C-alpha atoms as a PDB file:
ATOM      1  CA  MET A   1      61.022 236.262 -24.236  1.00  0.00           C
ATOM      2  CA  GLU A   2      64.458 234.958 -23.298  1.00  0.00           C
ATOM      3  CA  LEU A   3      67.019 233.239 -25.476  1.00  0.00           C
ATOM      4  CA  ARG A   4      67.195 230.512 -22.841  1.00  0.00           C
ATOM      5  CA  GLN A   5      63.497 229.802 -23.335  1.00  0.00           C
ATOM      6  CA  LEU A   6      63.923 229.613 -27.107  1.00  0.00           C
ATOM      7  CA  ARG A   7      66.853 227.228 -26.667  1.00  0.00           C
ATOM      8  CA  TYR A   8      64.703 224.972 -24.452  1.00  0.00           C
ATOM      9  CA  PHE A   9      61.886 225.229 -26.991  1.00  0.00           C
ATOM     10  CA  LEU A  10      64.098 224.077 -29.874  1.00  0.00           C
ATOM     11  CA  THR A  11      65.545 221.212 -27.865  1.00  0.00           C
ATOM     12  CA  VAL A  12      62.064 219.894 -27.026  1.00  0.00           C
ATOM     13  CA  VAL A  13      61.075 220.286 -30.692  1.00  0.00           C
ATOM     14  CA  GLU A  14      64.051 218.162 -31.727  1.00  0.00           C
ATOM     15  CA  GLU A  15      63.452 215.479 -29.081  1.00  0.00           C
ATOM     16  CA  LEU A  16      59.638 215.670 -28.813  1.00  0.00           C
ATOM     17  CA  HIS A  17      60.201 214.511 -25.268  1.00  0.00           C
ATOM     18  CA  PHE A  18      60.689 216.692 -22.199  1.00  0.00           C
ATOM     19  CA  GLY A  19      62.826 214.168 -20.348  1.00  0.00           C
ATOM     20  CA  ARG A  20      65.300 213.662 -23.183  1.00  0.00           C
ATOM     21  CA  ALA A  21      65.408 217.414 -23.802  1.00  0.00           C
ATOM     22  CA  ALA A  22      66.287 217.987 -20.138  1.00  0.00           C
ATOM     23  CA  GLU A  23      69.094 215.426 -20.366  1.00  0.00           C
ATOM     24  CA  ARG A  24      70.557 217.207 -23.411  1.00  0.00           C
ATOM     25  CA  LEU A  25      70.361 220.528 -21.622  1.00  0.00           C
ATOM     26  CA  HIS A  26      71.865 219.051 -18.419  1.00  0.00           C
ATOM     27  CA  ILE A  27      69.036 220.384 -16.273  1.00  0.00           C
ATOM     28  CA  VAL A  28      66.060 218.819 -14.538  1.00  0.00           C
ATOM     29  CA  GLN A  29      62.871 218.227 -16.490  1.00  0.00           C
ATOM     30  CA  SER A  30      60.831 220.500 -14.225  1.00  0.00           C
ATOM     31  CA  ALA A  31      63.055 223.471 -15.183  1.00  0.00           C
ATOM     32  CA  VAL A  32      62.392 222.861 -18.879  1.00  0.00           C
ATOM     33  CA  SER A  33      58.646 222.617 -18.326  1.00  0.00           C
ATOM     34  CA  GLN A  34      58.602 225.709 -16.125  1.00  0.00           C
ATOM     35  CA  GLN A  35      60.446 227.905 -18.651  1.00  0.00           C
ATOM     36  CA  LEU A  36      58.272 226.764 -21.546  1.00  0.00           C
ATOM     37  CA  ARG A  37      55.109 227.447 -19.536  1.00  0.00           C
ATOM     38  CA  ARG A  38      56.384 230.972 -18.904  1.00  0.00           C
ATOM     39  CA  LEU A  39      57.034 231.412 -22.639  1.00  0.00           C
ATOM     40  CA  GLU A  40      53.531 230.192 -23.464  1.00  0.00           C
ATOM     41  CA  ARG A  41      51.997 232.584 -20.918  1.00  0.00           C
ATOM     42  CA  GLU A  42      53.951 235.467 -22.461  1.00  0.00           C
ATOM     43  CA  LEU A  43      52.803 234.560 -25.967  1.00  0.00           C
ATOM     44  CA  GLY A  44      49.255 233.801 -24.810  1.00  0.00           C
ATOM     45  CA  THR A  45      49.077 230.407 -26.501  1.00  0.00           C
ATOM     46  CA  GLU A  46      50.258 226.831 -26.132  1.00  0.00           C
ATOM     47  CA  LEU A  47      53.296 225.777 -28.158  1.00  0.00           C
ATOM     48  CA  PHE A  48      53.045 222.032 -27.506  1.00  0.00           C
ATOM     49  CA  ALA A  49      50.179 219.617 -27.355  1.00  0.00           C
ATOM     50  CA  ARG A  50      51.083 217.336 -24.425  1.00  0.00           C
ATOM     51  CA  SER A  51      49.767 213.898 -23.556  1.00  0.00           C
ATOM     52  CA  THR A  52      51.097 211.019 -21.465  1.00  0.00           C
ATOM     53  CA  ARG A  53      52.604 209.376 -24.529  1.00  0.00           C
ATOM     54  CA  VAL A  54      53.309 212.086 -27.113  1.00  0.00           C
ATOM     55  CA  VAL A  55      54.476 215.680 -27.448  1.00  0.00           C
ATOM     56  CA  ARG A  56      53.818 217.575 -30.644  1.00  0.00           C
ATOM     57  CA  LEU A  57      53.933 221.155 -31.864  1.00  0.00           C
ATOM     58  CA  THR A  58      50.788 223.208 -32.079  1.00  0.00           C
ATOM     59  CA  GLU A  59      50.150 225.600 -34.950  1.00  0.00           C
ATOM     60  CA  ALA A  60      51.547 228.406 -32.791  1.00  0.00           C
ATOM     61  CA  GLY A  61      54.625 226.323 -32.111  1.00  0.00           C
ATOM     62  CA  ASN A  62      55.105 225.755 -35.823  1.00  0.00           C
ATOM     63  CA  ARG A  63      54.820 229.516 -36.427  1.00  0.00           C
ATOM     64  CA  LEU A  64      57.412 230.275 -33.740  1.00  0.00           C
ATOM     65  CA  LEU A  65      59.896 227.588 -34.842  1.00  0.00           C
ATOM     66  CA  PRO A  66      61.689 229.391 -37.765  1.00  0.00           C
ATOM     67  CA  TYR A  67      62.003 232.605 -35.750  1.00  0.00           C
ATOM     68  CA  ALA A  68      63.429 230.767 -32.769  1.00  0.00           C
ATOM     69  CA  ARG A  69      66.021 229.128 -35.012  1.00  0.00           C
ATOM     70  CA  GLU A  70      66.880 232.472 -36.580  1.00  0.00           C
ATOM     71  CA  MET A  71      67.280 234.221 -33.225  1.00  0.00           C
ATOM     72  CA  LEU A  72      69.574 231.543 -31.828  1.00  0.00           C
ATOM     73  CA  ALA A  73      71.584 231.552 -35.050  1.00  0.00           C
ATOM     74  CA  LEU A  74      72.001 235.316 -34.690  1.00  0.00           C
ATOM     75  CA  GLN A  75      73.148 234.817 -31.114  1.00  0.00           C
ATOM     76  CA  ALA A  76      75.761 232.310 -32.290  1.00  0.00           C
ATOM     77  CA  ARG A  77      77.000 234.656 -35.018  1.00  0.00           C
ATOM     78  CA  ALA A  78      77.187 237.550 -32.563  1.00  0.00           C
ATOM     79  CA  ARG A  79      79.268 235.452 -30.178  1.00  0.00           C
ATOM     80  CA  GLU A  80      81.557 234.372 -33.023  1.00  0.00           C
ATOM     81  CA  ALA A  81      82.059 237.992 -34.064  1.00  0.00           C
ATOM     82  CA  VAL A  82      83.012 239.013 -30.525  1.00  0.00           C
ATOM     83  CA  ASP A  83      85.293 235.980 -30.125  1.00  0.00           C
ATOM     84  CA  GLU A  84      86.969 236.851 -33.425  1.00  0.00           C
ATOM     85  CA  LEU A  85      87.502 240.425 -32.269  1.00  0.00           C
ATOM     86  CA  ARG A  86      89.010 239.248 -28.980  1.00  0.00           C
ATOM     87  CA  ALA A  87      91.335 236.917 -30.862  1.00  0.00           C
ATOM     88  CA  GLU A  88      92.431 239.756 -33.164  1.00  0.00           C
ATOM     89  CA  GLN A  89      93.020 242.072 -30.242  1.00  0.00           C
ATOM     90  CA  ALA A  90      95.125 239.441 -28.537  1.00  0.00           C
ATOM     91  CA  ALA A  91      97.284 239.007 -31.642  1.00  0.00           C
ATOM     92  CA  THR A  92     100.666 240.547 -32.261  1.00  0.00           C
ATOM     93  CA  VAL A  93     101.068 243.601 -34.480  1.00  0.00           C
ATOM     94  CA  ARG A  94     104.455 243.883 -36.190  1.00  0.00           C
ATOM     95  CA  LEU A  95     105.511 247.520 -36.598  1.00  0.00           C
ATOM     96  CA  GLY A  96     108.500 248.594 -38.649  1.00  0.00           C
ATOM     97  CA  THR A  97     110.476 251.290 -36.862  1.00  0.00           C
ATOM     98  CA  SER A  98     113.966 252.460 -36.024  1.00  0.00           C
ATOM     99  CA  SER A  99     115.703 254.192 -33.157  1.00  0.00           C
ATOM    100  CA  GLY A 100     115.344 257.890 -32.496  1.00  0.00           C
ATOM    101  CA  LEU A 101     111.612 258.542 -32.288  1.00  0.00           C
ATOM    102  CA  GLY A 102     112.099 259.816 -28.789  1.00  0.00           C
ATOM    103  CA  ALA A 103     109.047 260.027 -26.550  1.00  0.00           C
ATOM    104  CA  ARG A 104     106.695 259.632 -29.512  1.00  0.00           C
ATOM    105  CA  LEU A 105     107.205 255.877 -29.654  1.00  0.00           C
ATOM    106  CA  ASP A 106     106.433 255.598 -25.940  1.00  0.00           C
ATOM    107  CA  VAL A 107     103.203 257.552 -26.489  1.00  0.00           C
ATOM    108  CA  VAL A 108     102.159 255.276 -29.361  1.00  0.00           C
ATOM    109  CA  LEU A 109     102.946 252.040 -27.515  1.00  0.00           C
ATOM    110  CA  THR A 110     101.253 253.208 -24.314  1.00  0.00           C
ATOM    111  CA  ALA A 111      98.088 254.189 -26.184  1.00  0.00           C
ATOM    112  CA  PHE A 112      98.149 250.901 -28.116  1.00  0.00           C
ATOM    113  CA  ALA A 113      98.356 248.872 -24.898  1.00  0.00           C
ATOM    114  CA  ARG A 114      95.541 250.915 -23.376  1.00  0.00           C
ATOM    115  CA  ASN A 115      93.299 250.479 -26.434  1.00  0.00           C
ATOM    116  CA  THR A 116      93.792 246.733 -26.867  1.00  0.00           C
ATOM    117  CA  GLY A 117      94.555 245.215 -23.498  1.00  0.00           C
ATOM    118  CA  ARG A 118      96.084 241.913 -24.586  1.00  0.00           C
ATOM    119  CA  ALA A 119      97.534 242.662 -28.015  1.00  0.00           C
ATOM    120  CA  GLN A 120     101.296 242.908 -28.350  1.00  0.00           C
ATOM    121  CA  CYS A 121     103.309 245.237 -30.586  1.00  0.00           C
ATOM    122  CA  GLU A 122     106.550 243.781 -31.922  1.00  0.00           C
ATOM    123  CA  LEU A 123     109.053 246.355 -33.186  1.00  0.00           C
ATOM    124  CA  VAL A 124     111.119 245.479 -36.242  1.00  0.00           C
ATOM    125  CA  THR A 125     114.043 247.570 -37.478  1.00  0.00           C
ATOM    126  CA  GLY A 126     115.526 247.837 -40.946  1.00  0.00           C
ATOM    127  CA  SER A 127     116.071 250.290 -43.755  1.00  0.00           C
ATOM    128  CA  THR A 128     113.107 252.190 -45.146  1.00  0.00           C
ATOM    129  CA  GLU A 129     112.951 250.081 -48.284  1.00  0.00           C
ATOM    130  CA  GLU A 130     113.225 246.853 -46.295  1.00  0.00           C
ATOM    131  CA  ARG A 131     110.360 247.868 -44.053  1.00  0.00           C
ATOM    132  CA  LEU A 132     108.152 248.942 -46.959  1.00  0.00           C
ATOM    133  CA  ALA A 133     108.829 245.635 -48.727  1.00  0.00           C
ATOM    134  CA  GLN A 134     107.824 243.781 -45.563  1.00  0.00           C
ATOM    135  CA  VAL A 135     104.585 245.742 -45.319  1.00  0.00           C
ATOM    136  CA  ARG A 136     103.789 244.868 -48.938  1.00  0.00           C
ATOM    137  CA  SER A 137     104.465 241.162 -48.321  1.00  0.00           C
ATOM    138  CA  GLY A 138     102.506 241.076 -45.072  1.00  0.00           C
ATOM    139  CA  ASP A 139     105.548 240.336 -42.901  1.00  0.00           C
ATOM    140  CA  LEU A 140     104.911 243.694 -41.227  1.00  0.00           C
ATOM    141  CA  ASP A 141     101.488 245.104 -40.398  1.00  0.00           C
ATOM    142  CA  ALA A 142     102.692 248.690 -40.662  1.00  0.00           C
ATOM    143  CA  ALA A 143     105.829 250.814 -40.796  1.00  0.00           C
ATOM    144  CA  LEU A 144     106.602 254.303 -39.584  1.00  0.00           C
ATOM    145  CA  LEU A 145     108.664 256.395 -41.973  1.00  0.00           C
ATOM    146  CA  ARG A 146     109.511 260.007 -42.626  1.00  0.00           C
ATOM    147  CA  GLY A 147     108.925 261.792 -45.889  1.00  0.00           C
ATOM    148  CA  GLU A 148     106.135 261.484 -48.437  1.00  0.00           C
ATOM    149  CA  ARG A 149     106.034 258.476 -50.764  1.00  0.00           C
ATOM    150  CA  THR A 150     103.670 256.828 -53.227  1.00  0.00           C
ATOM    151  CA  ASP A 151     103.073 253.116 -53.734  1.00  0.00           C
ATOM    152  CA  PRO A 152     100.009 251.554 -55.415  1.00  0.00           C
ATOM    153  CA  GLU A 153     100.016 248.670 -52.908  1.00  0.00           C
ATOM    154  CA  LEU A 154     100.233 250.837 -49.798  1.00  0.00           C
ATOM    155  CA  GLU A 155      98.435 253.657 -48.067  1.00  0.00           C
ATOM    156  CA  PHE A 156     100.468 256.316 -46.254  1.00  0.00           C
ATOM    157  CA  LEU A 157      98.643 257.828 -43.305  1.00  0.00           C
ATOM    158  CA  PRO A 158     100.060 261.263 -42.372  1.00  0.00           C
ATOM    159  CA  LEU A 159     100.890 261.628 -38.687  1.00  0.00           C
ATOM    160  CA  TRP A 160     102.975 264.181 -36.800  1.00  0.00           C
ATOM    161  CA  GLN A 161     105.634 266.587 -38.028  1.00  0.00           C
ATOM    162  CA  ASP A 162     109.101 266.890 -36.502  1.00  0.00           C
ATOM    163  CA  ALA A 163     111.418 269.872 -36.720  1.00  0.00           C
ATOM    164  CA  LEU A 164     115.055 269.282 -37.556  1.00  0.00           C
ATOM    165  CA  VAL A 165     117.625 270.908 -35.328  1.00  0.00           C
ATOM    166  CA  ALA A 166     121.273 271.649 -35.978  1.00  0.00           C
ATOM    167  CA  ALA A 167     123.947 269.805 -33.998  1.00  0.00           C
ATOM    168  CA  LEU A 168     126.845 272.236 -33.506  1.00  0.00           C
ATOM    169  CA  PRO A 169     130.135 272.330 -31.598  1.00  0.00           C
ATOM    170  CA  ALA A 170     129.407 273.807 -28.168  1.00  0.00           C
ATOM    171  CA  GLY A 171     132.320 276.197 -28.611  1.00  0.00           C
ATOM    172  CA  HIS A 172     131.167 277.577 -31.965  1.00  0.00           C
ATOM    173  CA  GLU A 173     129.887 281.161 -32.010  1.00  0.00           C
ATOM    174  CA  LEU A 174     126.499 280.034 -33.369  1.00  0.00           C
ATOM    175  CA  ALA A 175     125.982 277.799 -30.344  1.00  0.00           C
ATOM    176  CA  ALA A 176     125.282 280.910 -28.274  1.00  0.00           C
ATOM    177  CA  ARG A 177     122.150 281.640 -30.304  1.00  0.00           C
ATOM    178  CA  GLU A 178     118.728 280.266 -29.358  1.00  0.00           C
ATOM    179  CA  THR A 179     117.873 279.781 -33.040  1.00  0.00           C
ATOM    180  CA  VAL A 180     120.338 279.445 -35.907  1.00  0.00           C
ATOM    181  CA  GLU A 181     119.557 280.906 -39.312  1.00  0.00           C
ATOM    182  CA  LEU A 182     120.360 278.338 -41.971  1.00  0.00           C
ATOM    183  CA  ALA A 183     122.314 280.886 -44.030  1.00  0.00           C
ATOM    184  CA  ARG A 184     124.824 281.321 -41.170  1.00  0.00           C
ATOM    185  CA  LEU A 185     125.899 277.686 -41.612  1.00  0.00           C
ATOM    186  CA  ALA A 186     127.028 278.200 -45.207  1.00  0.00           C
ATOM    187  CA  ASP A 187     130.755 278.041 -44.396  1.00  0.00           C
ATOM    188  CA  LEU A 188     130.532 275.176 -41.912  1.00  0.00           C
ATOM    189  CA  PRO A 189     130.950 271.660 -43.382  1.00  0.00           C
ATOM    190  CA  LEU A 190     127.748 269.629 -43.299  1.00  0.00           C
ATOM    191  CA  ARG A 191     127.848 265.970 -42.252  1.00  0.00           C
ATOM    192  CA  LEU A 192     125.007 264.262 -44.091  1.00  0.00           C
ATOM    193  CA  ALA A 193     124.281 260.638 -44.962  1.00  0.00           C
ATOM    194  CA  PRO A 194     124.463 259.832 -48.701  1.00  0.00           C
ATOM    195  CA  ARG A 195     121.198 260.310 -50.528  1.00  0.00           C
ATOM    196  CA  PRO A 196     120.547 256.563 -51.154  1.00  0.00           C
ATOM    197  CA  ARG A 197     120.443 255.985 -47.382  1.00  0.00           C
ATOM    198  CA  ASN A 198     117.705 258.556 -46.827  1.00  0.00           C
ATOM    199  CA  PRO A 199     116.497 260.424 -49.923  1.00  0.00           C
ATOM    200  CA  ALA A 200     113.743 262.345 -48.084  1.00  0.00           C
ATOM    201  CA  LEU A 201     116.076 263.808 -45.476  1.00  0.00           C
ATOM    202  CA  HIS A 202     118.922 264.453 -47.908  1.00  0.00           C
ATOM    203  CA  ASP A 203     116.631 266.272 -50.321  1.00  0.00           C
ATOM    204  CA  LEU A 204     115.001 268.343 -47.569  1.00  0.00           C
ATOM    205  CA  VAL A 205     118.336 269.566 -46.183  1.00  0.00           C
ATOM    206  CA  MET A 206     119.856 270.318 -49.576  1.00  0.00           C
ATOM    207  CA  ARG A 207     116.697 272.045 -50.806  1.00  0.00           C
ATOM    208  CA  SER A 208     116.495 274.164 -47.654  1.00  0.00           C
ATOM    209  CA  CYS A 209     120.135 275.223 -47.925  1.00  0.00           C
ATOM    210  CA  ARG A 210     119.575 276.288 -51.514  1.00  0.00           C
ATOM    211  CA  ALA A 211     116.510 278.257 -50.397  1.00  0.00           C
ATOM    212  CA  ALA A 212     118.769 279.982 -47.866  1.00  0.00           C
ATOM    213  CA  GLY A 213     121.048 281.028 -50.734  1.00  0.00           C
ATOM    214  CA  TYR A 214     123.897 278.508 -50.823  1.00  0.00           C
ATOM    215  CA  ALA A 215     124.995 274.990 -51.643  1.00  0.00           C
ATOM    216  CA  PRO A 216     126.348 273.426 -48.445  1.00  0.00           C
ATOM    217  CA  VAL A 217     129.968 272.406 -48.092  1.00  0.00           C
ATOM    218  CA  LEU A 218     129.809 268.664 -47.539  1.00  0.00           C
ATOM    219  CA  GLY A 219     132.173 267.299 -44.914  1.00  0.00           C
ATOM    220  CA  PRO A 220     132.687 263.656 -43.897  1.00  0.00           C
ATOM    221  CA  GLU A 221     129.442 261.721 -44.220  1.00  0.00           C
ATOM    222  CA  PHE A 222     127.214 260.951 -41.270  1.00  0.00           C
ATOM    223  CA  THR A 223     128.042 257.435 -40.035  1.00  0.00           C
ATOM    224  CA  ASN A 224     126.220 256.885 -36.754  1.00  0.00           C
ATOM    225  CA  ASP A 225     125.019 259.063 -33.889  1.00  0.00           C
ATOM    226  CA  GLN A 226     127.869 258.396 -31.504  1.00  0.00           C
ATOM    227  CA  ASP A 227     130.787 258.791 -33.885  1.00  0.00           C
ATOM    228  CA  THR A 228     129.346 261.765 -35.757  1.00  0.00           C
ATOM    229  CA  LEU A 229     128.504 263.703 -32.605  1.00  0.00           C
ATOM    230  CA  ALA A 230     131.910 262.933 -31.115  1.00  0.00           C
ATOM    231  CA  ALA A 231     133.552 264.292 -34.279  1.00  0.00           C
ATOM    232  CA  ILE A 232     131.417 267.453 -34.164  1.00  0.00           C
ATOM    233  CA  GLY A 233     132.107 268.030 -30.484  1.00  0.00           C
ATOM    234  CA  HIS A 234     135.840 267.353 -30.482  1.00  0.00           C
ATOM    235  CA  GLY A 235     137.060 267.475 -34.067  1.00  0.00           C
ATOM    236  CA  LYS A 236     137.157 269.973 -36.888  1.00  0.00           C
ATOM    237  CA  PRO A 237     134.059 272.220 -36.684  1.00  0.00           C
ATOM    238  CA  SER A 238     131.087 270.882 -38.655  1.00  0.00           C
ATOM    239  CA  TRP A 239     127.344 270.434 -38.257  1.00  0.00           C
ATOM    240  CA  THR A 240     124.552 267.995 -38.956  1.00  0.00           C
ATOM    241  CA  VAL A 241     120.822 267.689 -38.374  1.00  0.00           C
ATOM    242  CA  PHE A 242     118.735 265.608 -35.993  1.00  0.00           C
ATOM    243  CA  TYR A 243     115.019 265.283 -35.505  1.00  0.00           C
ATOM    244  CA  ALA A 244     114.079 267.276 -32.421  1.00  0.00           C
ATOM    245  CA  PRO A 245     112.529 264.323 -30.466  1.00  0.00           C
ATOM    246  CA  HIS A 246     115.763 262.387 -30.946  1.00  0.00           C
ATOM    247  CA  ALA A 247     117.975 265.314 -30.021  1.00  0.00           C
ATOM    248  CA  ASP A 248     116.066 265.654 -26.751  1.00  0.00           C
ATOM    249  CA  GLN A 249     117.443 262.256 -25.758  1.00  0.00           C
ATOM    250  CA  LEU A 250     121.039 262.933 -26.802  1.00  0.00           C
ATOM    251  CA  PRO A 251     122.868 265.032 -24.220  1.00  0.00           C
ATOM    252  CA  VAL A 252     126.383 264.913 -25.675  1.00  0.00           C
ATOM    253  CA  PRO A 253     129.334 266.769 -24.113  1.00  0.00           C
ATOM    254  CA  GLY A 254     130.760 269.293 -26.546  1.00  0.00           C
ATOM    255  CA  VAL A 255     127.621 269.423 -28.745  1.00  0.00           C
ATOM    256  CA  VAL A 256     124.551 271.655 -28.626  1.00  0.00           C
ATOM    257  CA  PHE A 257     121.297 271.347 -30.559  1.00  0.00           C
ATOM    258  CA  ARG A 258     119.660 274.492 -31.901  1.00  0.00           C
ATOM    259  CA  PRO A 259     116.380 275.047 -33.824  1.00  0.00           C
ATOM    260  CA  LEU A 260     116.824 276.202 -37.409  1.00  0.00           C
ATOM    261  CA  SER A 261     115.157 279.119 -39.154  1.00  0.00           C
ATOM    262  CA  GLY A 262     115.158 280.812 -42.517  1.00  0.00           C
ATOM    263  CA  PRO A 263     113.656 278.351 -43.458  1.00  0.00           C
ATOM    264  CA  ALA A 264     112.749 275.967 -40.659  1.00  0.00           C
ATOM    265  CA  LEU A 265     113.229 272.332 -41.591  1.00  0.00           C
ATOM    266  CA  VAL A 266     110.214 270.116 -40.871  1.00  0.00           C
ATOM    267  CA  MET A 267     109.587 266.483 -41.816  1.00  0.00           C
ATOM    268  CA  ARG A 268     106.282 264.622 -41.564  1.00  0.00           C
ATOM    269  CA  THR A 269     106.040 261.049 -40.322  1.00  0.00           C
ATOM    270  CA  TYR A 270     103.718 258.589 -42.082  1.00  0.00           C
ATOM    271  CA  LEU A 271     102.353 255.181 -41.185  1.00  0.00           C
ATOM    272  CA  ALA A 272     102.519 252.815 -44.145  1.00  0.00           C
ATOM    273  CA  VAL A 273      99.851 250.093 -44.244  1.00  0.00           C
ATOM    274  CA  ARG A 274      98.489 247.802 -46.907  1.00  0.00           C
ATOM    275  CA  ASN A 275      95.410 248.893 -48.814  1.00  0.00           C
ATOM    276  CA  GLY A 276      92.089 247.675 -47.453  1.00  0.00           C
ATOM    277  CA  PRO A 277      90.353 247.541 -44.070  1.00  0.00           C
ATOM    278  CA  PRO A 278      92.684 246.706 -41.165  1.00  0.00           C
ATOM    279  CA  ARG A 279      92.110 243.993 -38.594  1.00  0.00           C
ATOM    280  CA  ALA A 280      91.178 245.113 -35.101  1.00  0.00           C
ATOM    281  CA  ALA A 281      94.686 245.130 -33.610  1.00  0.00           C
ATOM    282  CA  LEU A 282      96.097 247.156 -36.499  1.00  0.00           C
ATOM    283  CA  ARG A 283      93.174 249.567 -36.210  1.00  0.00           C
ATOM    284  CA  ALA A 284      94.110 250.029 -32.563  1.00  0.00           C
ATOM    285  CA  LEU A 285      97.693 250.816 -33.581  1.00  0.00           C
ATOM    286  CA  ILE A 286      96.483 253.392 -36.085  1.00  0.00           C
ATOM    287  CA  GLU A 287      94.354 255.051 -33.430  1.00  0.00           C
ATOM    288  CA  ALA A 288      97.329 255.027 -31.054  1.00  0.00           C
ATOM    289  CA  CYS A 289      99.359 256.884 -33.664  1.00  0.00           C
ATOM    290  CA  TYR A 290      96.557 259.434 -34.005  1.00  0.00           C
ATOM    291  CA  GLU A 291      96.573 259.874 -30.228  1.00  0.00           C
ATOM    292  CA  ALA A 292     100.239 260.841 -30.495  1.00  0.00           C
ATOM    293  CA  VAL A 293      99.252 263.425 -33.121  1.00  0.00           C
ATOM    294  CA  ASP A 294      96.482 264.765 -30.884  1.00  0.00           C
ATOM    295  CA  GLY A 295      98.865 264.982 -27.945  1.00  0.00           C
ATOM    296  CA  ASP A 296     101.283 266.977 -30.061  1.00  0.00           C
ATOM    297  CA  ALA A 297      98.551 269.392 -31.116  1.00  0.00           C
ATOM    298  CA  GLU A 298      97.439 269.914 -27.514  1.00  0.00           C
ATOM    299  CA  LEU A 299     101.029 270.511 -26.394  1.00  0.00           C
ATOM    300  CA  ASN A 300     101.442 273.064 -29.166  1.00  0.00           C
ATOM    301  CA  ARG A 301      98.265 274.881 -28.096  1.00  0.00           C
ATOM    302  CA  CYS A 302      99.604 275.073 -24.559  1.00  0.00           C
ATOM    303  CA  ARG A 303     102.925 276.402 -25.803  1.00  0.00           C
ATOM    304  CA  ALA A 304     101.125 279.028 -27.878  1.00  0.00           C
ATOM    305  CA  ARG A 305      99.597 280.607 -24.769  1.00  0.00           C
ATOM    306  CA  PRO A 306     101.372 283.772 -23.546  1.00  0.00           C
ATOM    307  CA  VAL A 307     103.404 282.456 -20.607  1.00  0.00           C
ATOM    308  CA  ALA A 308     106.868 283.261 -19.352  1.00  0.00           C
ATOM    309  CA  ARG A 309     109.414 280.918 -20.890  1.00  0.00           C
ATOM    310  CA  SER A 310     113.095 280.489 -21.494  1.00  0.00           C
ATOM    311  CA  GLY A 311     115.258 278.367 -23.744  1.00  0.00           C
ATOM    312  CA  PRO A 312     114.897 277.611 -27.466  1.00  0.00           C
ATOM    313  CA  PRO A 313     111.472 277.778 -29.085  1.00  0.00           C
ATOM    314  CA  SER A 314     109.437 274.625 -29.369  1.00  0.00           C
ATOM    315  CA  ALA A 315     109.127 272.541 -32.506  1.00  0.00           C
ATOM    316  CA  PRO A 316     106.156 273.270 -34.765  1.00  0.00           C
ATOM    317  CA  SER A 317     103.014 271.271 -34.201  1.00  0.00           C
ATOM    318  CA  PRO A 318     101.801 268.729 -36.732  1.00  0.00           C
ATOM    319  CA  GLY A 319      98.928 269.374 -39.048  1.00  0.00           C
ATOM    320  CA  ARG A 320      95.722 267.602 -38.048  1.00  0.00           C
ATOM    321  CA  ARG A 321      94.410 265.126 -40.578  1.00  0.00           C
ATOM    322  CA  ALA A 322      90.854 263.979 -41.067  1.00  0.00           C
ATOM    323  CA  ARG A 323      90.551 260.496 -39.595  1.00  0.00           C
ATOM    324  CA  SER A 324      90.397 257.685 -42.116  1.00  0.00           C
ATOM    325  CA  VAL A 325      91.171 254.227 -40.834  1.00  0.00           C
ATOM    326  CA  PRO A 326      91.343 251.683 -43.762  1.00  0.00           C
ATOM    327  CA  ALA A 327      96.907 253.829 -39.758  1.00  0.00           C
ATOM    328  CA  ALA A 328     109.020 254.993 -36.096  1.00  0.00           C
ATOM    329  CA  THR A 329     111.124 255.019 -38.642  1.00  0.00           C
ATOM    330  CA  GLY A 330     112.833 257.842 -38.101  1.00  0.00           C
ATOM    331  CA  GLY A 331     115.257 257.363 -35.439  1.00  0.00           C
ATOM    332  CA  SER A 332     117.901 259.865 -35.975  1.00  0.00           C
ATOM    333  CA  ALA A 333     117.841 261.976 -39.055  1.00  0.00           C
ATOM    334  CA  ARG A 334     119.754 259.285 -40.807  1.00  0.00           C
ATOM    335  CA  THR A 335     117.068 256.790 -41.663  1.00  0.00           C
ATOM    336  CA  GLY A 336     113.653 257.445 -43.116  1.00  0.00           C
END
């Protein structure tokens, strides 16, 4: 039994005339008659009582009629569902982010394009609070941010973790070390953005310094990447922190980046979305973010194998989260 045959059947039922039914279907009358004869042979009974002047349903035809209508209605709903999905996938997803995610953003956007085909991802910058407000209002579909938060209107999906590294003058004695113990930076002024600009980062650095046994000496505040790194490389000795993926893209003369220990400083990235099930394109973005997490975990497993290596140790891998789809800010270590 074919849907085409049921469609022909319903058209003849509505017209009670094979010729008019064929005209509605834009095919020849013989094709309509042929398909309905095949349907009758399959069912083993006649569906129409035919004469030279009248066409009427038989009892079997009357029994088939509601099921034929139901099956064609299901076909229409199935097509609508697929068309709706295609329209969603072709839509634009607005993602709140900021500079400094390094290669992670490329991984997310590449996976998103691969998973959706036609959907576009528009990147929107702004402060953490601006981006969260836009997610709440629906102006953004999602926002990447660092540091844990709570909000009754939002869900925060944990993604990857990034290590923070110290930016030091290349001529400083600590620059010769592969890893710098946090306690050894106690006497070096720390350039850090004020807490209101990035509470999560500010609190993490200050808390870690206290855990290392000292309150840091605060130097001039962090302004922007270029000016702060220039001051560290060519001015009075000082230090600051950067997320490792960002530091990888910042070769600056006079400045070196070194992993920290005792304790290591690590910050998790989250994807903020509104509560409730996401539309298809947003779901694809969430999955793309998870692919970036999976890629990080695989890279970490490779790094954990006993192979010859040189240079500073790699950043810690992110914790793997159980998948729950209702799924950067970051940039430098200045914005959340």
